[in-house]
Amino acid sequence: MGELLPTWQANNLIKGLTDYLKTTFALSDPKAQGAISDFLTHPDKGMFKGPYVRLRLPFEPAVEGWEDFLDFYDAKFPPYGHQAKAFERLTSKNSTDGQFRRPEATLV
């Protein structure tokens, strides 16, 4: 399951690149080797920085008409705009003519 988590993948990628670069630039001078190591691994001033995903809060509410794509959704808890857009992409219901359509690929 861990292989599907973006932060886990990012950490593995960083570790792999760091190991590769430390091996490629294996210097005999301890000071130079320490400088490269600091550049690669320092959490604030190093090469790899985060966050990788940034959320802008508060989320925007869904616009009118989001219900057209979901007949089953409980309106007691209306979705946020980004959730309604995902519902629209994932549904097979076509709101204009009532026919079915192919859902669109969506990363959730």
PDB file of N, CA and C in Angstrom:
ATOM      1  N   MET A   1       0.817  -1.196   0.000  1.00  0.00           N
ATOM      2  CA  MET A   1       0.000   0.000   0.000  1.00  0.00           C
ATOM      3  C   MET A   1       0.859   1.258   0.000  1.00  0.00           C
ATOM      4  N   GLY A   2       2.019   1.199   0.634  1.00  0.00           N
ATOM      5  CA  GLY A   2       2.892   2.361   0.730  1.00  0.00           C
ATOM      6  C   GLY A   2       3.339   2.888  -0.612  1.00  0.00           C
ATOM      7  N   GLU A   3       3.408   2.015  -1.622  1.00  0.00           N
ATOM      8  CA  GLU A   3       3.884   2.455  -2.934  1.00  0.00           C
ATOM      9  C   GLU A   3       2.919   3.404  -3.630  1.00  0.00           C
ATOM     10  N   LEU A   4       1.686   3.518  -3.134  1.00  0.00           N
ATOM     11  CA  LEU A   4       0.717   4.420  -3.744  1.00  0.00           C
ATOM     12  C   LEU A   4       0.697   5.788  -3.075  1.00  0.00           C
ATOM     13  N   LEU A   5       1.388   5.955  -1.987  1.00  0.00           N
ATOM     14  CA  LEU A   5       1.384   7.222  -1.270  1.00  0.00           C
ATOM     15  C   LEU A   5       2.413   8.178  -1.861  1.00  0.00           C
ATOM     16  N   PRO A   6       1.993   9.370  -2.294  1.00  0.00           N
ATOM     17  CA  PRO A   6       2.921  10.307  -2.934  1.00  0.00           C
ATOM     18  C   PRO A   6       4.093  10.705  -2.042  1.00  0.00           C
ATOM     19  N   THR A   7       3.870  10.898  -0.750  1.00  0.00           N
ATOM     20  CA  THR A   7       4.978  11.297   0.114  1.00  0.00           C
ATOM     21  C   THR A   7       5.985  10.166   0.256  1.00  0.00           C
ATOM     22  N   TRP A   8       5.498   8.940   0.284  1.00  0.00           N
ATOM     23  CA  TRP A   8       6.394   7.786   0.352  1.00  0.00           C
ATOM     24  C   TRP A   8       7.233   7.714  -0.929  1.00  0.00           C
ATOM     25  N   GLN A   9       6.586   7.909  -2.074  1.00  0.00           N
ATOM     26  CA  GLN A   9       7.292   7.891  -3.351  1.00  0.00           C
ATOM     27  C   GLN A   9       8.306   9.029  -3.417  1.00  0.00           C
ATOM     28  N   ALA A  10       7.913  10.219  -2.964  1.00  0.00           N
ATOM     29  CA  ALA A  10       8.827  11.367  -2.982  1.00  0.00           C
ATOM     30  C   ALA A  10      10.043  11.090  -2.114  1.00  0.00           C
ATOM     31  N   ASN A  11       9.829  10.527  -0.931  1.00  0.00           N
ATOM     32  CA  ASN A  11      10.959  10.210  -0.048  1.00  0.00           C
ATOM     33  C   ASN A  11      11.876   9.163  -0.668  1.00  0.00           C
ATOM     34  N   ASN A  12      11.308   8.157  -1.324  1.00  0.00           N
ATOM     35  CA  ASN A  12      12.139   7.151  -2.004  1.00  0.00           C
ATOM     36  C   ASN A  12      12.942   7.770  -3.145  1.00  0.00           C
ATOM     37  N   LEU A  13      12.321   8.650  -3.893  1.00  0.00           N
ATOM     38  CA  LEU A  13      13.014   9.326  -4.989  1.00  0.00           C
ATOM     39  C   LEU A  13      14.154  10.187  -4.457  1.00  0.00           C
ATOM     40  N   ILE A  14      13.900  10.930  -3.401  1.00  0.00           N
ATOM     41  CA  ILE A  14      14.939  11.773  -2.794  1.00  0.00           C
ATOM     42  C   ILE A  14      16.091  10.914  -2.286  1.00  0.00           C
ATOM     43  N   LYS A  15      15.768   9.808  -1.612  1.00  0.00           N
ATOM     44  CA  LYS A  15      16.822   8.931  -1.097  1.00  0.00           C
ATOM     45  C   LYS A  15      17.658   8.349  -2.232  1.00  0.00           C
ATOM     46  N   GLY A  16      16.986   7.902  -3.297  1.00  0.00           N
ATOM     47  CA  GLY A  16      17.710   7.341  -4.432  1.00  0.00           C
ATOM     48  C   GLY A  16      18.619   8.361  -5.107  1.00  0.00           C
ATOM     49  N   LEU A  17      18.103   9.565  -5.318  1.00  0.00           N
ATOM     50  CA  LEU A  17      18.921  10.612  -5.934  1.00  0.00           C
ATOM     51  C   LEU A  17      20.075  11.033  -5.032  1.00  0.00           C
ATOM     52  N   THR A  18      19.806  11.134  -3.751  1.00  0.00           N
ATOM     53  CA  THR A  18      20.851  11.510  -2.801  1.00  0.00           C
ATOM     54  C   THR A  18      21.957  10.462  -2.783  1.00  0.00           C
ATOM     55  N   ASP A  19      21.588   9.199  -2.713  1.00  0.00           N
ATOM     56  CA  ASP A  19      22.592   8.126  -2.733  1.00  0.00           C
ATOM     57  C   ASP A  19      23.396   8.153  -4.029  1.00  0.00           C
ATOM     58  N   TYR A  20      22.712   8.351  -5.150  1.00  0.00           N
ATOM     59  CA  TYR A  20      23.395   8.389  -6.446  1.00  0.00           C
ATOM     60  C   TYR A  20      24.387   9.554  -6.494  1.00  0.00           C
ATOM     61  N   LEU A  21      23.936  10.740  -6.091  1.00  0.00           N
ATOM     62  CA  LEU A  21      24.813  11.910  -6.172  1.00  0.00           C
ATOM     63  C   LEU A  21      25.973  11.825  -5.187  1.00  0.00           C
ATOM     64  N   LYS A  22      25.747  11.272  -3.999  1.00  0.00           N
ATOM     65  CA  LYS A  22      26.846  11.109  -3.039  1.00  0.00           C
ATOM     66  C   LYS A  22      27.883  10.128  -3.574  1.00  0.00           C
ATOM     67  N   THR A  23      27.423   9.089  -4.262  1.00  0.00           N
ATOM     68  CA  THR A  23      28.344   8.104  -4.835  1.00  0.00           C
ATOM     69  C   THR A  23      29.080   8.672  -6.042  1.00  0.00           C
ATOM     70  N   THR A  24      28.352   9.393  -6.890  1.00  0.00           N
ATOM     71  CA  THR A  24      28.955   9.967  -8.090  1.00  0.00           C
ATOM     72  C   THR A  24      30.016  10.998  -7.735  1.00  0.00           C
ATOM     73  N   PHE A  25      29.729  11.810  -6.731  1.00  0.00           N
ATOM     74  CA  PHE A  25      30.654  12.860  -6.315  1.00  0.00           C
ATOM     75  C   PHE A  25      31.308  12.510  -4.982  1.00  0.00           C
ATOM     76  N   ALA A  26      31.802  11.283  -4.887  1.00  0.00           N
ATOM     77  CA  ALA A  26      32.477  10.823  -3.674  1.00  0.00           C
ATOM     78  C   ALA A  26      33.849  11.496  -3.619  1.00  0.00           C
ATOM     79  N   LEU A  27      33.937  12.581  -2.896  1.00  0.00           N
ATOM     80  CA  LEU A  27      35.171  13.359  -2.809  1.00  0.00           C
ATOM     81  C   LEU A  27      36.023  12.878  -1.642  1.00  0.00           C
ATOM     82  N   SER A  28      37.316  13.013  -1.782  1.00  0.00           N
ATOM     83  CA  SER A  28      38.213  12.576  -0.712  1.00  0.00           C
ATOM     84  C   SER A  28      38.341  13.635   0.380  1.00  0.00           C
ATOM     85  N   ASP A  29      38.074  14.887   0.061  1.00  0.00           N
ATOM     86  CA  ASP A  29      38.151  15.959   1.052  1.00  0.00           C
ATOM     87  C   ASP A  29      36.906  15.922   1.941  1.00  0.00           C
ATOM     88  N   PRO A  30      37.068  15.689   3.235  1.00  0.00           N
ATOM     89  CA  PRO A  30      35.909  15.584   4.131  1.00  0.00           C
ATOM     90  C   PRO A  30      35.052  16.854   4.160  1.00  0.00           C
ATOM     91  N   LYS A  31      35.701  18.027   4.041  1.00  0.00           N
ATOM     92  CA  LYS A  31      34.935  19.279   4.048  1.00  0.00           C
ATOM     93  C   LYS A  31      34.038  19.380   2.816  1.00  0.00           C
ATOM     94  N   ALA A  32      34.597  19.068   1.661  1.00  0.00           N
ATOM     95  CA  ALA A  32      33.820  19.117   0.425  1.00  0.00           C
ATOM     96  C   ALA A  32      32.717  18.067   0.443  1.00  0.00           C
ATOM     97  N   GLN A  33      33.028  16.887   0.950  1.00  0.00           N
ATOM     98  CA  GLN A  33      32.024  15.824   1.041  1.00  0.00           C
ATOM     99  C   GLN A  33      30.895  16.232   1.999  1.00  0.00           C
ATOM    100  N   GLY A  34      31.242  16.889   3.090  1.00  0.00           N
ATOM    101  CA  GLY A  34      30.238  17.372   4.035  1.00  0.00           C
ATOM    102  C   GLY A  34      29.359  18.451   3.426  1.00  0.00           C
ATOM    103  N   ALA A  35      29.956  19.332   2.607  1.00  0.00           N
ATOM    104  CA  ALA A  35      29.183  20.389   1.951  1.00  0.00           C
ATOM    105  C   ALA A  35      28.174  19.797   0.977  1.00  0.00           C
ATOM    106  N   ILE A  36      28.591  18.793   0.216  1.00  0.00           N
ATOM    107  CA  ILE A  36      27.665  18.133  -0.719  1.00  0.00           C
ATOM    108  C   ILE A  36      26.560  17.426   0.054  1.00  0.00           C
ATOM    109  N   SER A  37      26.942  16.751   1.130  1.00  0.00           N
ATOM    110  CA  SER A  37      25.948  16.047   1.939  1.00  0.00           C
ATOM    111  C   SER A  37      24.929  17.024   2.528  1.00  0.00           C
ATOM    112  N   ASP A  38      25.415  18.160   3.037  1.00  0.00           N
ATOM    113  CA  ASP A  38      24.498  19.173   3.574  1.00  0.00           C
ATOM    114  C   ASP A  38      23.580  19.717   2.490  1.00  0.00           C
ATOM    115  N   PHE A  39      24.132  19.973   1.317  1.00  0.00           N
ATOM    116  CA  PHE A  39      23.318  20.490   0.211  1.00  0.00           C
ATOM    117  C   PHE A  39      22.218  19.507  -0.179  1.00  0.00           C
ATOM    118  N   LEU A  40      22.515  18.234  -0.120  1.00  0.00           N
ATOM    119  CA  LEU A  40      21.540  17.229  -0.524  1.00  0.00           C
ATOM    120  C   LEU A  40      20.524  16.912   0.567  1.00  0.00           C
ATOM    121  N   THR A  41      20.917  17.008   1.844  1.00  0.00           N
ATOM    122  CA  THR A  41      20.041  16.506   2.904  1.00  0.00           C
ATOM    123  C   THR A  41      19.487  17.554   3.867  1.00  0.00           C
ATOM    124  N   HIS A  42      19.973  18.785   3.823  1.00  0.00           N
ATOM    125  CA  HIS A  42      19.492  19.798   4.764  1.00  0.00           C
ATOM    126  C   HIS A  42      18.014  20.080   4.499  1.00  0.00           C
ATOM    127  N   PRO A  43      17.142  20.008   5.555  1.00  0.00           N
ATOM    128  CA  PRO A  43      15.694  20.150   5.330  1.00  0.00           C
ATOM    129  C   PRO A  43      15.261  21.535   4.857  1.00  0.00           C
ATOM    130  N   ASP A  44      15.983  22.603   5.231  1.00  0.00           N
ATOM    131  CA  ASP A  44      15.576  23.952   4.842  1.00  0.00           C
ATOM    132  C   ASP A  44      16.396  24.544   3.698  1.00  0.00           C
ATOM    133  N   LYS A  45      17.702  24.311   3.723  1.00  0.00           N
ATOM    134  CA  LYS A  45      18.583  24.925   2.733  1.00  0.00           C
ATOM    135  C   LYS A  45      19.090  23.936   1.687  1.00  0.00           C
ATOM    136  N   GLY A  46      18.619  22.721   1.746  1.00  0.00           N
ATOM    137  CA  GLY A  46      19.097  21.690   0.844  1.00  0.00           C
ATOM    138  C   GLY A  46      18.436  21.726  -0.518  1.00  0.00           C
ATOM    139  N   MET A  47      18.792  20.770  -1.327  1.00  0.00           N
ATOM    140  CA  MET A  47      18.309  20.687  -2.705  1.00  0.00           C
ATOM    141  C   MET A  47      16.827  20.327  -2.773  1.00  0.00           C
ATOM    142  N   PHE A  48      16.367  19.480  -1.884  1.00  0.00           N
ATOM    143  CA  PHE A  48      14.988  19.005  -1.912  1.00  0.00           C
ATOM    144  C   PHE A  48      14.178  19.716  -0.844  1.00  0.00           C
ATOM    145  N   LYS A  49      13.142  20.401  -1.281  1.00  0.00           N
ATOM    146  CA  LYS A  49      12.308  21.164  -0.358  1.00  0.00           C
ATOM    147  C   LYS A  49      10.859  20.768  -0.523  1.00  0.00           C
ATOM    148  N   GLY A  50      10.062  21.002   0.468  1.00  0.00           N
ATOM    149  CA  GLY A  50       8.623  20.759   0.412  1.00  0.00           C
ATOM    150  C   GLY A  50       7.911  22.003   0.849  1.00  0.00           C
ATOM    151  N   PRO A  51       6.630  22.042   0.972  1.00  0.00           N
ATOM    152  CA  PRO A  51       5.735  20.918   0.735  1.00  0.00           C
ATOM    153  C   PRO A  51       5.515  20.695  -0.751  1.00  0.00           C
ATOM    154  N   TYR A  52       5.130  19.494  -1.086  1.00  0.00           N
ATOM    155  CA  TYR A  52       4.904  19.147  -2.483  1.00  0.00           C
ATOM    156  C   TYR A  52       3.476  19.436  -2.901  1.00  0.00           C
ATOM    157  N   VAL A  53       2.573  19.464  -1.947  1.00  0.00           N
ATOM    158  CA  VAL A  53       1.173  19.779  -2.202  1.00  0.00           C
ATOM    159  C   VAL A  53       0.806  20.937  -1.293  1.00  0.00           C
ATOM    160  N   ARG A  54       0.154  21.919  -1.867  1.00  0.00           N
ATOM    161  CA  ARG A  54      -0.225  23.078  -1.071  1.00  0.00           C
ATOM    162  C   ARG A  54      -1.730  23.269  -1.151  1.00  0.00           C
ATOM    163  N   LEU A  55      -2.368  23.366  -0.014  1.00  0.00           N
ATOM    164  CA  LEU A  55      -3.813  23.553   0.035  1.00  0.00           C
ATOM    165  C   LEU A  55      -4.126  25.007   0.316  1.00  0.00           C
ATOM    166  N   ARG A  56      -5.058  25.528  -0.412  1.00  0.00           N
ATOM    167  CA  ARG A  56      -5.513  26.890  -0.168  1.00  0.00           C
ATOM    168  C   ARG A  56      -6.844  26.809   0.563  1.00  0.00           C
ATOM    169  N   LEU A  57      -6.817  27.151   1.837  1.00  0.00           N
ATOM    170  CA  LEU A  57      -8.013  27.086   2.658  1.00  0.00           C
ATOM    171  C   LEU A  57      -8.567  28.492   2.847  1.00  0.00           C
ATOM    172  N   PRO A  58      -9.830  28.693   3.029  1.00  0.00           N
ATOM    173  CA  PRO A  58     -10.881  27.683   2.999  1.00  0.00           C
ATOM    174  C   PRO A  58     -11.201  27.290   1.560  1.00  0.00           C
ATOM    175  N   PHE A  59     -11.754  26.089   1.397  1.00  0.00           N
ATOM    176  CA  PHE A  59     -12.128  25.610   0.072  1.00  0.00           C
ATOM    177  C   PHE A  59     -13.344  26.368  -0.430  1.00  0.00           C
ATOM    178  N   GLU A  60     -13.408  26.542  -1.740  1.00  0.00           N
ATOM    179  CA  GLU A  60     -14.554  27.197  -2.374  1.00  0.00           C
ATOM    180  C   GLU A  60     -15.745  26.247  -2.389  1.00  0.00           C
ATOM    181  N   PRO A  61     -16.955  26.749  -2.145  1.00  0.00           N
ATOM    182  CA  PRO A  61     -18.129  25.874  -2.224  1.00  0.00           C
ATOM    183  C   PRO A  61     -18.441  25.517  -3.675  1.00  0.00           C
ATOM    184  N   ALA A  62     -19.181  24.440  -3.865  1.00  0.00           N
ATOM    185  CA  ALA A  62     -19.586  24.011  -5.210  1.00  0.00           C
ATOM    186  C   ALA A  62     -20.567  25.022  -5.797  1.00  0.00           C
ATOM    187  N   VAL A  63     -20.485  25.208  -7.105  1.00  0.00           N
ATOM    188  CA  VAL A  63     -21.403  26.124  -7.778  1.00  0.00           C
ATOM    189  C   VAL A  63     -22.737  25.428  -8.016  1.00  0.00           C
ATOM    190  N   GLU A  64     -23.754  26.221  -8.278  1.00  0.00           N
ATOM    191  CA  GLU A  64     -25.088  25.679  -8.539  1.00  0.00           C
ATOM    192  C   GLU A  64     -25.040  24.659  -9.678  1.00  0.00           C
ATOM    193  N   GLY A  65     -25.835  23.636  -9.568  1.00  0.00           N
ATOM    194  CA  GLY A  65     -25.921  22.626 -10.613  1.00  0.00           C
ATOM    195  C   GLY A  65     -25.101  21.383 -10.355  1.00  0.00           C
ATOM    196  N   TRP A  66     -24.343  21.355  -9.272  1.00  0.00           N
ATOM    197  CA  TRP A  66     -23.525  20.170  -9.009  1.00  0.00           C
ATOM    198  C   TRP A  66     -24.394  18.938  -8.787  1.00  0.00           C
ATOM    199  N   GLU A  67     -25.647  19.137  -8.360  1.00  0.00           N
ATOM    200  CA  GLU A  67     -26.549  18.019  -8.097  1.00  0.00           C
ATOM    201  C   GLU A  67     -26.924  17.275  -9.374  1.00  0.00           C
ATOM    202  N   ASP A  68     -26.769  17.935 -10.526  1.00  0.00           N
ATOM    203  CA  ASP A  68     -27.135  17.318 -11.804  1.00  0.00           C
ATOM    204  C   ASP A  68     -26.336  16.055 -12.090  1.00  0.00           C
ATOM    205  N   PHE A  69     -25.170  15.942 -11.511  1.00  0.00           N
ATOM    206  CA  PHE A  69     -24.302  14.807 -11.799  1.00  0.00           C
ATOM    207  C   PHE A  69     -24.454  13.672 -10.806  1.00  0.00           C
ATOM    208  N   LEU A  70     -25.115  13.923  -9.681  1.00  0.00           N
ATOM    209  CA  LEU A  70     -25.235  12.908  -8.649  1.00  0.00           C
ATOM    210  C   LEU A  70     -26.671  12.832  -8.152  1.00  0.00           C
ATOM    211  N   ASP A  71     -27.329  11.734  -8.433  1.00  0.00           N
ATOM    212  CA  ASP A  71     -28.681  11.533  -7.926  1.00  0.00           C
ATOM    213  C   ASP A  71     -28.666  10.975  -6.509  1.00  0.00           C
ATOM    214  N   PHE A  72     -27.586  10.314  -6.142  1.00  0.00           N
ATOM    215  CA  PHE A  72     -27.544   9.594  -4.880  1.00  0.00           C
ATOM    216  C   PHE A  72     -26.930  10.391  -3.737  1.00  0.00           C
ATOM    217  N   TYR A  73     -26.329  11.527  -4.014  1.00  0.00           N
ATOM    218  CA  TYR A  73     -25.570  12.257  -2.991  1.00  0.00           C
ATOM    219  C   TYR A  73     -26.501  12.921  -1.983  1.00  0.00           C
ATOM    220  N   ASP A  74     -26.168  12.811  -0.702  1.00  0.00           N
ATOM    221  CA  ASP A  74     -26.969  13.392   0.376  1.00  0.00           C
ATOM    222  C   ASP A  74     -26.673  14.891   0.461  1.00  0.00           C
ATOM    223  N   ALA A  75     -27.655  15.718   0.177  1.00  0.00           N
ATOM    224  CA  ALA A  75     -27.467  17.164   0.117  1.00  0.00           C
ATOM    225  C   ALA A  75     -27.291  17.806   1.494  1.00  0.00           C
ATOM    226  N   LYS A  76     -27.366  17.027   2.577  1.00  0.00           N
ATOM    227  CA  LYS A  76     -27.127  17.597   3.900  1.00  0.00           C
ATOM    228  C   LYS A  76     -25.695  18.121   4.020  1.00  0.00           C
ATOM    229  N   PHE A  77     -24.809  17.533   3.261  1.00  0.00           N
ATOM    230  CA  PHE A  77     -23.412  17.938   3.265  1.00  0.00           C
ATOM    231  C   PHE A  77     -22.983  18.275   1.841  1.00  0.00           C
ATOM    232  N   PRO A  78     -23.223  19.489   1.379  1.00  0.00           N
ATOM    233  CA  PRO A  78     -22.866  19.827   0.000  1.00  0.00           C
ATOM    234  C   PRO A  78     -21.348  19.773  -0.193  1.00  0.00           C
ATOM    235  N   PRO A  79     -20.908  19.358  -1.367  1.00  0.00           N
ATOM    236  CA  PRO A  79     -19.465  19.230  -1.606  1.00  0.00           C
ATOM    237  C   PRO A  79     -18.811  20.595  -1.827  1.00  0.00           C
ATOM    238  N   TYR A  80     -17.510  20.612  -1.683  1.00  0.00           N
ATOM    239  CA  TYR A  80     -16.732  21.780  -2.067  1.00  0.00           C
ATOM    240  C   TYR A  80     -16.577  21.764  -3.591  1.00  0.00           C
ATOM    241  N   GLY A  81     -16.111  22.867  -4.132  1.00  0.00           N
ATOM    242  CA  GLY A  81     -15.976  22.987  -5.582  1.00  0.00           C
ATOM    243  C   GLY A  81     -15.099  21.918  -6.201  1.00  0.00           C
ATOM    244  N   HIS A  82     -13.941  21.630  -5.584  1.00  0.00           N
ATOM    245  CA  HIS A  82     -13.032  20.636  -6.158  1.00  0.00           C
ATOM    246  C   HIS A  82     -13.648  19.231  -6.099  1.00  0.00           C
ATOM    247  N   GLN A  83     -14.446  18.968  -5.075  1.00  0.00           N
ATOM    248  CA  GLN A  83     -15.109  17.671  -4.978  1.00  0.00           C
ATOM    249  C   GLN A  83     -16.192  17.550  -6.052  1.00  0.00           C
ATOM    250  N   ALA A  84     -16.966  18.619  -6.256  1.00  0.00           N
ATOM    251  CA  ALA A  84     -18.009  18.603  -7.280  1.00  0.00           C
ATOM    252  C   ALA A  84     -17.411  18.419  -8.670  1.00  0.00           C
ATOM    253  N   LYS A  85     -16.243  19.028  -8.927  1.00  0.00           N
ATOM    254  CA  LYS A  85     -15.584  18.847 -10.229  1.00  0.00           C
ATOM    255  C   LYS A  85     -15.137  17.396 -10.416  1.00  0.00           C
ATOM    256  N   ALA A  86     -14.655  16.777  -9.334  1.00  0.00           N
ATOM    257  CA  ALA A  86     -14.262  15.364  -9.416  1.00  0.00           C
ATOM    258  C   ALA A  86     -15.482  14.489  -9.659  1.00  0.00           C
ATOM    259  N   PHE A  87     -16.602  14.779  -8.979  1.00  0.00           N
ATOM    260  CA  PHE A  87     -17.840  14.028  -9.209  1.00  0.00           C
ATOM    261  C   PHE A  87     -18.254  14.147 -10.674  1.00  0.00           C
ATOM    262  N   GLU A  88     -18.166  15.350 -11.218  1.00  0.00           N
ATOM    263  CA  GLU A  88     -18.568  15.588 -12.611  1.00  0.00           C
ATOM    264  C   GLU A  88     -17.696  14.780 -13.575  1.00  0.00           C
ATOM    265  N   ARG A  89     -16.395  14.715 -13.303  1.00  0.00           N
ATOM    266  CA  ARG A  89     -15.489  13.967 -14.168  1.00  0.00           C
ATOM    267  C   ARG A  89     -15.700  12.459 -14.056  1.00  0.00           C
ATOM    268  N   LEU A  90     -16.055  11.993 -12.857  1.00  0.00           N
ATOM    269  CA  LEU A  90     -16.159  10.557 -12.609  1.00  0.00           C
ATOM    270  C   LEU A  90     -17.515   9.955 -12.934  1.00  0.00           C
ATOM    271  N   THR A  91     -18.533  10.780 -13.090  1.00  0.00           N
ATOM    272  CA  THR A  91     -19.863  10.236 -13.327  1.00  0.00           C
ATOM    273  C   THR A  91     -20.035   9.781 -14.773  1.00  0.00           C
ATOM    274  N   SER A  92     -20.924   8.820 -14.965  1.00  0.00           N
ATOM    275  CA  SER A  92     -21.263   8.387 -16.317  1.00  0.00           C
ATOM    276  C   SER A  92     -22.570   9.021 -16.776  1.00  0.00           C
ATOM    277  N   LYS A  93     -23.168   9.818 -15.906  1.00  0.00           N
ATOM    278  CA  LYS A  93     -24.423  10.472 -16.235  1.00  0.00           C
ATOM    279  C   LYS A  93     -24.141  11.773 -16.986  1.00  0.00           C
ATOM    280  N   ASN A  94     -24.821  11.963 -18.095  1.00  0.00           N
ATOM    281  CA  ASN A  94     -24.697  13.187 -18.870  1.00  0.00           C
ATOM    282  C   ASN A  94     -25.847  14.105 -18.471  1.00  0.00           C
ATOM    283  N   SER A  95     -25.545  15.265 -17.924  1.00  0.00           N
ATOM    284  CA  SER A  95     -26.594  16.131 -17.382  1.00  0.00           C
ATOM    285  C   SER A  95     -27.415  16.819 -18.473  1.00  0.00           C
ATOM    286  N   THR A  96     -26.915  16.892 -19.692  1.00  0.00           N
ATOM    287  CA  THR A  96     -27.643  17.635 -20.725  1.00  0.00           C
ATOM    288  C   THR A  96     -28.762  16.819 -21.372  1.00  0.00           C
ATOM    289  N   ASP A  97     -28.514  15.551 -21.678  1.00  0.00           N
ATOM    290  CA  ASP A  97     -29.547  14.779 -22.370  1.00  0.00           C
ATOM    291  C   ASP A  97     -29.957  13.500 -21.644  1.00  0.00           C
ATOM    292  N   GLY A  98     -29.410  13.258 -20.447  1.00  0.00           N
ATOM    293  CA  GLY A  98     -29.796  12.086 -19.676  1.00  0.00           C
ATOM    294  C   GLY A  98     -29.160  10.792 -20.151  1.00  0.00           C
ATOM    295  N   GLN A  99     -28.359  10.836 -21.199  1.00  0.00           N
ATOM    296  CA  GLN A  99     -27.674   9.651 -21.706  1.00  0.00           C
ATOM    297  C   GLN A  99     -26.419   9.385 -20.864  1.00  0.00           C
ATOM    298  N   PHE A 100     -25.836   8.216 -21.069  1.00  0.00           N
ATOM    299  CA  PHE A 100     -24.617   7.878 -20.349  1.00  0.00           C
ATOM    300  C   PHE A 100     -23.406   8.302 -21.160  1.00  0.00           C
ATOM    301  N   ARG A 101     -22.325   8.597 -20.457  1.00  0.00           N
ATOM    302  CA  ARG A 101     -21.061   8.977 -21.096  1.00  0.00           C
ATOM    303  C   ARG A 101     -19.929   8.248 -20.388  1.00  0.00           C
ATOM    304  N   ARG A 102     -18.785   8.269 -21.028  1.00  0.00           N
ATOM    305  CA  ARG A 102     -17.610   7.611 -20.437  1.00  0.00           C
ATOM    306  C   ARG A 102     -16.991   8.542 -19.395  1.00  0.00           C
ATOM    307  N   PRO A 103     -16.795   8.076 -18.146  1.00  0.00           N
ATOM    308  CA  PRO A 103     -16.153   8.918 -17.128  1.00  0.00           C
ATOM    309  C   PRO A 103     -14.732   9.296 -17.545  1.00  0.00           C
ATOM    310  N   GLU A 104     -14.255  10.439 -17.081  1.00  0.00           N
ATOM    311  CA  GLU A 104     -12.921  10.916 -17.416  1.00  0.00           C
ATOM    312  C   GLU A 104     -11.921  10.467 -16.361  1.00  0.00           C
ATOM    313  N   ALA A 105     -10.674  10.282 -16.789  1.00  0.00           N
ATOM    314  CA  ALA A 105      -9.620   9.909 -15.857  1.00  0.00           C
ATOM    315  C   ALA A 105      -9.445  11.032 -14.852  1.00  0.00           C
ATOM    316  N   THR A 106      -9.366  10.675 -13.574  1.00  0.00           N
ATOM    317  CA  THR A 106      -9.301  11.678 -12.509  1.00  0.00           C
ATOM    318  C   THR A 106      -8.377  11.181 -11.409  1.00  0.00           C
ATOM    319  N   LEU A 107      -7.449  12.029 -10.995  1.00  0.00           N
ATOM    320  CA  LEU A 107      -6.560  11.712  -9.875  1.00  0.00           C
ATOM    321  C   LEU A 107      -7.187  12.279  -8.617  1.00  0.00           C
ATOM    322  N   VAL A 108      -7.455  11.401  -7.641  1.00  0.00           N
ATOM    323  CA  VAL A 108      -8.069  11.832  -6.382  1.00  0.00           C
ATOM    324  C   VAL A 108      -7.063  11.664  -5.271  1.00  0.00           C
TER     325      VAL A 108
END
